Amino acid sequence: MGNVTISSKYQIVIPRDIRKQLKLKVGQKLSVIASGNAITLVPDTPLAEMRGFLRGMDKNEIREDEERI
């Protein structure tokens, strides 16, 4: 975990070890999610890169029952 400081322009710098770990690129977009007193940054992933990431998943466990009220 790294620490960051908010600049006078409300900017932060993501620490190098975190950037390398997450393979962040210059110009890459991040989604900002605020929940309570926490801020989460989530890298946007192009749809093409997500192809096949659910391969092998058992679909029977996540499907809703066909009967609906």
PDB file of N, CA and C in Angstrom:
ATOM      1  N   MET A   1       0.860  -1.170   0.000  1.00  0.00           N
ATOM      2  CA  MET A   1       0.000   0.000   0.000  1.00  0.00           C
ATOM      3  C   MET A   1       0.900   1.224   0.000  1.00  0.00           C
ATOM      4  N   GLY A   2       0.531   2.217  -0.783  1.00  0.00           N
ATOM      5  CA  GLY A   2       1.300   3.450  -0.847  1.00  0.00           C
ATOM      6  C   GLY A   2       0.504   4.619  -0.314  1.00  0.00           C
ATOM      7  N   ASN A   3       1.200   5.658   0.044  1.00  0.00           N
ATOM      8  CA  ASN A   3       0.551   6.889   0.493  1.00  0.00           C
ATOM      9  C   ASN A   3       0.679   7.942  -0.593  1.00  0.00           C
ATOM     10  N   VAL A   4      -0.335   8.756  -0.740  1.00  0.00           N
ATOM     11  CA  VAL A   4      -0.316   9.847  -1.714  1.00  0.00           C
ATOM     12  C   VAL A   4      -0.702  11.138  -1.005  1.00  0.00           C
ATOM     13  N   THR A   5      -0.322  12.257  -1.622  1.00  0.00           N
ATOM     14  CA  THR A   5      -0.669  13.573  -1.109  1.00  0.00           C
ATOM     15  C   THR A   5      -1.484  14.297  -2.167  1.00  0.00           C
ATOM     16  N   ILE A   6      -2.533  14.966  -1.751  1.00  0.00           N
ATOM     17  CA  ILE A   6      -3.354  15.736  -2.679  1.00  0.00           C
ATOM     18  C   ILE A   6      -2.670  17.074  -2.910  1.00  0.00           C
ATOM     19  N   SER A   7      -2.448  17.428  -4.187  1.00  0.00           N
ATOM     20  CA  SER A   7      -1.802  18.692  -4.524  1.00  0.00           C
ATOM     21  C   SER A   7      -2.792  19.849  -4.402  1.00  0.00           C
ATOM     22  N   SER A   8      -2.293  21.061  -4.589  1.00  0.00           N
ATOM     23  CA  SER A   8      -3.164  22.239  -4.527  1.00  0.00           C
ATOM     24  C   SER A   8      -4.222  22.233  -5.629  1.00  0.00           C
ATOM     25  N   LYS A   9      -4.000  21.429  -6.675  1.00  0.00           N
ATOM     26  CA  LYS A   9      -4.973  21.290  -7.768  1.00  0.00           C
ATOM     27  C   LYS A   9      -5.813  20.015  -7.600  1.00  0.00           C
ATOM     28  N   TYR A  10      -5.777  19.429  -6.407  1.00  0.00           N
ATOM     29  CA  TYR A  10      -6.516  18.207  -6.086  1.00  0.00           C
ATOM     30  C   TYR A  10      -6.077  17.025  -6.947  1.00  0.00           C
ATOM     31  N   GLN A  11      -4.808  16.952  -7.282  1.00  0.00           N
ATOM     32  CA  GLN A  11      -4.261  15.843  -8.054  1.00  0.00           C
ATOM     33  C   GLN A  11      -3.469  14.930  -7.131  1.00  0.00           C
ATOM     34  N   ILE A  12      -3.379  13.643  -7.513  1.00  0.00           N
ATOM     35  CA  ILE A  12      -2.554  12.696  -6.783  1.00  0.00           C
ATOM     36  C   ILE A  12      -1.638  11.979  -7.768  1.00  0.00           C
ATOM     37  N   VAL A  13      -0.556  11.408  -7.272  1.00  0.00           N
ATOM     38  CA  VAL A  13       0.346  10.594  -8.078  1.00  0.00           C
ATOM     39  C   VAL A  13       0.261   9.173  -7.545  1.00  0.00           C
ATOM     40  N   ILE A  14      -0.001   8.213  -8.431  1.00  0.00           N
ATOM     41  CA  ILE A  14      -0.070   6.812  -8.038  1.00  0.00           C
ATOM     42  C   ILE A  14       1.369   6.310  -7.907  1.00  0.00           C
ATOM     43  N   PRO A  15       1.735   5.728  -6.771  1.00  0.00           N
ATOM     44  CA  PRO A  15       3.108   5.261  -6.568  1.00  0.00           C
ATOM     45  C   PRO A  15       3.568   4.278  -7.646  1.00  0.00           C
ATOM     46  N   ARG A  16       4.858   4.327  -7.967  1.00  0.00           N
ATOM     47  CA  ARG A  16       5.433   3.516  -9.046  1.00  0.00           C
ATOM     48  C   ARG A  16       5.168   2.028  -8.860  1.00  0.00           C
ATOM     49  N   ASP A  17       5.349   1.509  -7.655  1.00  0.00           N
ATOM     50  CA  ASP A  17       5.151   0.069  -7.454  1.00  0.00           C
ATOM     51  C   ASP A  17       3.704  -0.344  -7.723  1.00  0.00           C
ATOM     52  N   ILE A  18       2.759   0.519  -7.408  1.00  0.00           N
ATOM     53  CA  ILE A  18       1.339   0.241  -7.693  1.00  0.00           C
ATOM     54  C   ILE A  18       1.092   0.297  -9.195  1.00  0.00           C
ATOM     55  N   ARG A  19       1.672   1.304  -9.873  1.00  0.00           N
ATOM     56  CA  ARG A  19       1.509   1.413 -11.338  1.00  0.00           C
ATOM     57  C   ARG A  19       2.055   0.175 -12.037  1.00  0.00           C
ATOM     58  N   LYS A  20       3.211  -0.312 -11.587  1.00  0.00           N
ATOM     59  CA  LYS A  20       3.803  -1.511 -12.200  1.00  0.00           C
ATOM     60  C   LYS A  20       2.966  -2.749 -11.911  1.00  0.00           C
ATOM     61  N   GLN A  21       2.519  -2.882 -10.667  1.00  0.00           N
ATOM     62  CA  GLN A  21       1.721  -4.045 -10.274  1.00  0.00           C
ATOM     63  C   GLN A  21       0.441  -4.138 -11.099  1.00  0.00           C
ATOM     64  N   LEU A  22      -0.212  -3.001 -11.335  1.00  0.00           N
ATOM     65  CA  LEU A  22      -1.481  -2.982 -12.077  1.00  0.00           C
ATOM     66  C   LEU A  22      -1.294  -2.760 -13.573  1.00  0.00           C
ATOM     67  N   LYS A  23      -0.028  -2.596 -14.007  1.00  0.00           N
ATOM     68  CA  LYS A  23       0.301  -2.381 -15.427  1.00  0.00           C
ATOM     69  C   LYS A  23      -0.459  -1.191 -16.004  1.00  0.00           C
ATOM     70  N   LEU A  24      -0.482  -0.089 -15.240  1.00  0.00           N
ATOM     71  CA  LEU A  24      -1.160   1.125 -15.699  1.00  0.00           C
ATOM     72  C   LEU A  24      -0.327   1.819 -16.761  1.00  0.00           C
ATOM     73  N   LYS A  25      -0.984   2.414 -17.720  1.00  0.00           N
ATOM     74  CA  LYS A  25      -0.328   3.110 -18.828  1.00  0.00           C
ATOM     75  C   LYS A  25      -0.666   4.597 -18.788  1.00  0.00           C
ATOM     76  N   VAL A  26       0.197   5.405 -19.367  1.00  0.00           N
ATOM     77  CA  VAL A  26      -0.053   6.842 -19.480  1.00  0.00           C
ATOM     78  C   VAL A  26      -1.319   7.056 -20.303  1.00  0.00           C
ATOM     79  N   GLY A  27      -2.219   7.881 -19.822  1.00  0.00           N
ATOM     80  CA  GLY A  27      -3.461   8.177 -20.535  1.00  0.00           C
ATOM     81  C   GLY A  27      -4.588   7.196 -20.267  1.00  0.00           C
ATOM     82  N   GLN A  28      -4.304   6.119 -19.540  1.00  0.00           N
ATOM     83  CA  GLN A  28      -5.343   5.139 -19.229  1.00  0.00           C
ATOM     84  C   GLN A  28      -6.387   5.768 -18.316  1.00  0.00           C
ATOM     85  N   LYS A  29      -7.628   5.398 -18.505  1.00  0.00           N
ATOM     86  CA  LYS A  29      -8.735   5.922 -17.704  1.00  0.00           C
ATOM     87  C   LYS A  29      -8.946   5.059 -16.466  1.00  0.00           C
ATOM     88  N   LEU A  30      -9.337   5.704 -15.369  1.00  0.00           N
ATOM     89  CA  LEU A  30      -9.680   5.016 -14.130  1.00  0.00           C
ATOM     90  C   LEU A  30     -11.073   5.455 -13.713  1.00  0.00           C
ATOM     91  N   SER A  31     -11.864   4.519 -13.209  1.00  0.00           N
ATOM     92  CA  SER A  31     -13.158   4.869 -12.635  1.00  0.00           C
ATOM     93  C   SER A  31     -12.933   5.189 -11.166  1.00  0.00           C
ATOM     94  N   VAL A  32     -13.605   6.235 -10.677  1.00  0.00           N
ATOM     95  CA  VAL A  32     -13.485   6.647  -9.283  1.00  0.00           C
ATOM     96  C   VAL A  32     -14.795   6.312  -8.583  1.00  0.00           C
ATOM     97  N   ILE A  33     -14.689   5.519  -7.511  1.00  0.00           N
ATOM     98  CA  ILE A  33     -15.867   5.094  -6.771  1.00  0.00           C
ATOM     99  C   ILE A  33     -15.720   5.573  -5.327  1.00  0.00           C
ATOM    100  N   ALA A  34     -16.698   6.347  -4.855  1.00  0.00           N
ATOM    101  CA  ALA A  34     -16.694   6.821  -3.475  1.00  0.00           C
ATOM    102  C   ALA A  34     -17.716   6.013  -2.695  1.00  0.00           C
ATOM    103  N   SER A  35     -17.283   5.462  -1.565  1.00  0.00           N
ATOM    104  CA  SER A  35     -18.168   4.675  -0.707  1.00  0.00           C
ATOM    105  C   SER A  35     -17.837   4.998   0.741  1.00  0.00           C
ATOM    106  N   GLY A  36     -18.744   5.699   1.396  1.00  0.00           N
ATOM    107  CA  GLY A  36     -18.477   6.115   2.770  1.00  0.00           C
ATOM    108  C   GLY A  36     -17.298   7.068   2.800  1.00  0.00           C
ATOM    109  N   ASN A  37     -16.279   6.740   3.571  1.00  0.00           N
ATOM    110  CA  ASN A  37     -15.072   7.562   3.654  1.00  0.00           C
ATOM    111  C   ASN A  37     -13.938   7.019   2.801  1.00  0.00           C
ATOM    112  N   ALA A  38     -14.230   6.132   1.862  1.00  0.00           N
ATOM    113  CA  ALA A  38     -13.191   5.508   1.036  1.00  0.00           C
ATOM    114  C   ALA A  38     -13.347   5.901  -0.425  1.00  0.00           C
ATOM    115  N   ILE A  39     -12.221   6.012  -1.103  1.00  0.00           N
ATOM    116  CA  ILE A  39     -12.180   6.258  -2.547  1.00  0.00           C
ATOM    117  C   ILE A  39     -11.468   5.073  -3.177  1.00  0.00           C
ATOM    118  N   THR A  40     -12.084   4.480  -4.202  1.00  0.00           N
ATOM    119  CA  THR A  40     -11.486   3.362  -4.909  1.00  0.00           C
ATOM    120  C   THR A  40     -11.272   3.766  -6.358  1.00  0.00           C
ATOM    121  N   LEU A  41     -10.069   3.531  -6.875  1.00  0.00           N
ATOM    122  CA  LEU A  41      -9.756   3.764  -8.280  1.00  0.00           C
ATOM    123  C   LEU A  41      -9.706   2.413  -8.973  1.00  0.00           C
ATOM    124  N   VAL A  42     -10.491   2.252 -10.034  1.00  0.00           N
ATOM    125  CA  VAL A  42     -10.551   0.993 -10.759  1.00  0.00           C
ATOM    126  C   VAL A  42     -10.153   1.248 -12.204  1.00  0.00           C
ATOM    127  N   PRO A  43      -9.078   0.587 -12.688  1.00  0.00           N
ATOM    128  CA  PRO A  43      -8.675   0.776 -14.083  1.00  0.00           C
ATOM    129  C   PRO A  43      -9.765   0.312 -15.039  1.00  0.00           C
ATOM    130  N   ASP A  44     -10.101   1.151 -16.017  1.00  0.00           N
ATOM    131  CA  ASP A  44     -11.035   0.742 -17.058  1.00  0.00           C
ATOM    132  C   ASP A  44     -10.324  -0.263 -17.955  1.00  0.00           C
ATOM    133  N   THR A  45     -11.003  -1.348 -18.241  1.00  0.00           N
ATOM    134  CA  THR A  45     -10.428  -2.393 -19.080  1.00  0.00           C
ATOM    135  C   THR A  45     -11.183  -2.420 -20.400  1.00  0.00           C
ATOM    136  N   PRO A  46     -10.457  -2.303 -21.533  1.00  0.00           N
ATOM    137  CA  PRO A  46     -11.133  -2.386 -22.828  1.00  0.00           C
ATOM    138  C   PRO A  46     -11.863  -3.725 -22.967  1.00  0.00           C
ATOM    139  N   LEU A  47     -13.017  -3.700 -23.577  1.00  0.00           N
ATOM    140  CA  LEU A  47     -13.832  -4.897 -23.729  1.00  0.00           C
ATOM    141  C   LEU A  47     -13.065  -6.018 -24.426  1.00  0.00           C
ATOM    142  N   ALA A  48     -12.238  -5.680 -25.397  1.00  0.00           N
ATOM    143  CA  ALA A  48     -11.473  -6.690 -26.130  1.00  0.00           C
ATOM    144  C   ALA A  48     -10.545  -7.472 -25.202  1.00  0.00           C
ATOM    145  N   GLU A  49     -10.011  -6.827 -24.168  1.00  0.00           N
ATOM    146  CA  GLU A  49      -9.110  -7.505 -23.238  1.00  0.00           C
ATOM    147  C   GLU A  49      -9.859  -8.444 -22.301  1.00  0.00           C
ATOM    148  N   MET A  50     -11.164  -8.269 -22.177  1.00  0.00           N
ATOM    149  CA  MET A  50     -11.950  -9.099 -21.270  1.00  0.00           C
ATOM    150  C   MET A  50     -12.437 -10.385 -21.929  1.00  0.00           C
ATOM    151  N   ARG A  51     -12.219 -10.515 -23.224  1.00  0.00           N
ATOM    152  CA  ARG A  51     -12.683 -11.691 -23.952  1.00  0.00           C
ATOM    153  C   ARG A  51     -12.122 -12.968 -23.316  1.00  0.00           C
ATOM    154  N   GLY A  52     -13.030 -13.866 -22.933  1.00  0.00           N
ATOM    155  CA  GLY A  52     -12.636 -15.163 -22.405  1.00  0.00           C
ATOM    156  C   GLY A  52     -12.308 -15.198 -20.921  1.00  0.00           C
ATOM    157  N   PHE A  53     -12.444 -14.077 -20.196  1.00  0.00           N
ATOM    158  CA  PHE A  53     -12.044 -14.100 -18.791  1.00  0.00           C
ATOM    159  C   PHE A  53     -12.981 -14.935 -17.917  1.00  0.00           C
ATOM    160  N   LEU A  54     -14.155 -15.282 -18.404  1.00  0.00           N
ATOM    161  CA  LEU A  54     -15.072 -16.133 -17.651  1.00  0.00           C
ATOM    162  C   LEU A  54     -15.071 -17.573 -18.151  1.00  0.00           C
ATOM    163  N   ARG A  55     -14.143 -17.894 -19.047  1.00  0.00           N
ATOM    164  CA  ARG A  55     -14.077 -19.233 -19.622  1.00  0.00           C
ATOM    165  C   ARG A  55     -13.956 -20.276 -18.506  1.00  0.00           C
ATOM    166  N   GLY A  56     -14.772 -21.318 -18.598  1.00  0.00           N
ATOM    167  CA  GLY A  56     -14.722 -22.402 -17.625  1.00  0.00           C
ATOM    168  C   GLY A  56     -15.605 -22.183 -16.409  1.00  0.00           C
ATOM    169  N   MET A  57     -16.283 -21.059 -16.343  1.00  0.00           N
ATOM    170  CA  MET A  57     -17.136 -20.766 -15.195  1.00  0.00           C
ATOM    171  C   MET A  57     -18.429 -21.580 -15.281  1.00  0.00           C
ATOM    172  N   ASP A  58     -18.883 -22.114 -14.149  1.00  0.00           N
ATOM    173  CA  ASP A  58     -20.117 -22.886 -14.104  1.00  0.00           C
ATOM    174  C   ASP A  58     -21.303 -21.928 -14.143  1.00  0.00           C
ATOM    175  N   LYS A  59     -22.004 -21.894 -15.269  1.00  0.00           N
ATOM    176  CA  LYS A  59     -23.108 -20.952 -15.463  1.00  0.00           C
ATOM    177  C   LYS A  59     -24.356 -21.334 -14.671  1.00  0.00           C
ATOM    178  N   ASN A  60     -24.467 -22.578 -14.261  1.00  0.00           N
ATOM    179  CA  ASN A  60     -25.659 -23.024 -13.547  1.00  0.00           C
ATOM    180  C   ASN A  60     -25.771 -22.386 -12.173  1.00  0.00           C
ATOM    181  N   GLU A  61     -24.675 -21.993 -11.582  1.00  0.00           N
ATOM    182  CA  GLU A  61     -24.702 -21.431 -10.239  1.00  0.00           C
ATOM    183  C   GLU A  61     -25.117 -19.959 -10.223  1.00  0.00           C
ATOM    184  N   ILE A  62     -25.019 -19.258 -11.350  1.00  0.00           N
ATOM    185  CA  ILE A  62     -25.305 -17.830 -11.351  1.00  0.00           C
ATOM    186  C   ILE A  62     -26.621 -17.458 -12.024  1.00  0.00           C
ATOM    187  N   ARG A  63     -27.229 -18.392 -12.705  1.00  0.00           N
ATOM    188  CA  ARG A  63     -28.481 -18.082 -13.400  1.00  0.00           C
ATOM    189  C   ARG A  63     -29.641 -18.027 -12.430  1.00  0.00           C
ATOM    190  N   GLU A  64     -30.551 -17.121 -12.708  1.00  0.00           N
ATOM    191  CA  GLU A  64     -31.759 -17.009 -11.883  1.00  0.00           C
ATOM    192  C   GLU A  64     -32.724 -18.127 -12.227  1.00  0.00           C
ATOM    193  N   ASP A  65     -33.586 -18.443 -11.272  1.00  0.00           N
ATOM    194  CA  ASP A  65     -34.629 -19.433 -11.543  1.00  0.00           C
ATOM    195  C   ASP A  65     -35.528 -18.886 -12.628  1.00  0.00           C
ATOM    196  N   GLU A  66     -36.083 -19.790 -13.424  1.00  0.00           N
ATOM    197  CA  GLU A  66     -36.939 -19.365 -14.518  1.00  0.00           C
ATOM    198  C   GLU A  66     -38.292 -18.878 -14.022  1.00  0.00           C
ATOM    199  N   GLU A  67     -38.680 -19.315 -12.836  1.00  0.00           N
ATOM    200  CA  GLU A  67     -39.963 -18.879 -12.284  1.00  0.00           C
ATOM    201  C   GLU A  67     -39.798 -17.500 -11.655  1.00  0.00           C
ATOM    202  N   ARG A  68     -40.598 -16.570 -12.096  1.00  0.00           N
ATOM    203  CA  ARG A  68     -40.581 -15.235 -11.522  1.00  0.00           C
ATOM    204  C   ARG A  68     -41.973 -14.871 -11.066  1.00  0.00           C
ATOM    205  N   ILE A  69     -42.032 -14.125 -10.019  1.00  0.00           N
ATOM    206  CA  ILE A  69     -43.353 -13.727  -9.487  1.00  0.00           C
ATOM    207  C   ILE A  69     -43.817 -12.495 -10.216  1.00  0.00           C
TER     208      ILE A  69
END
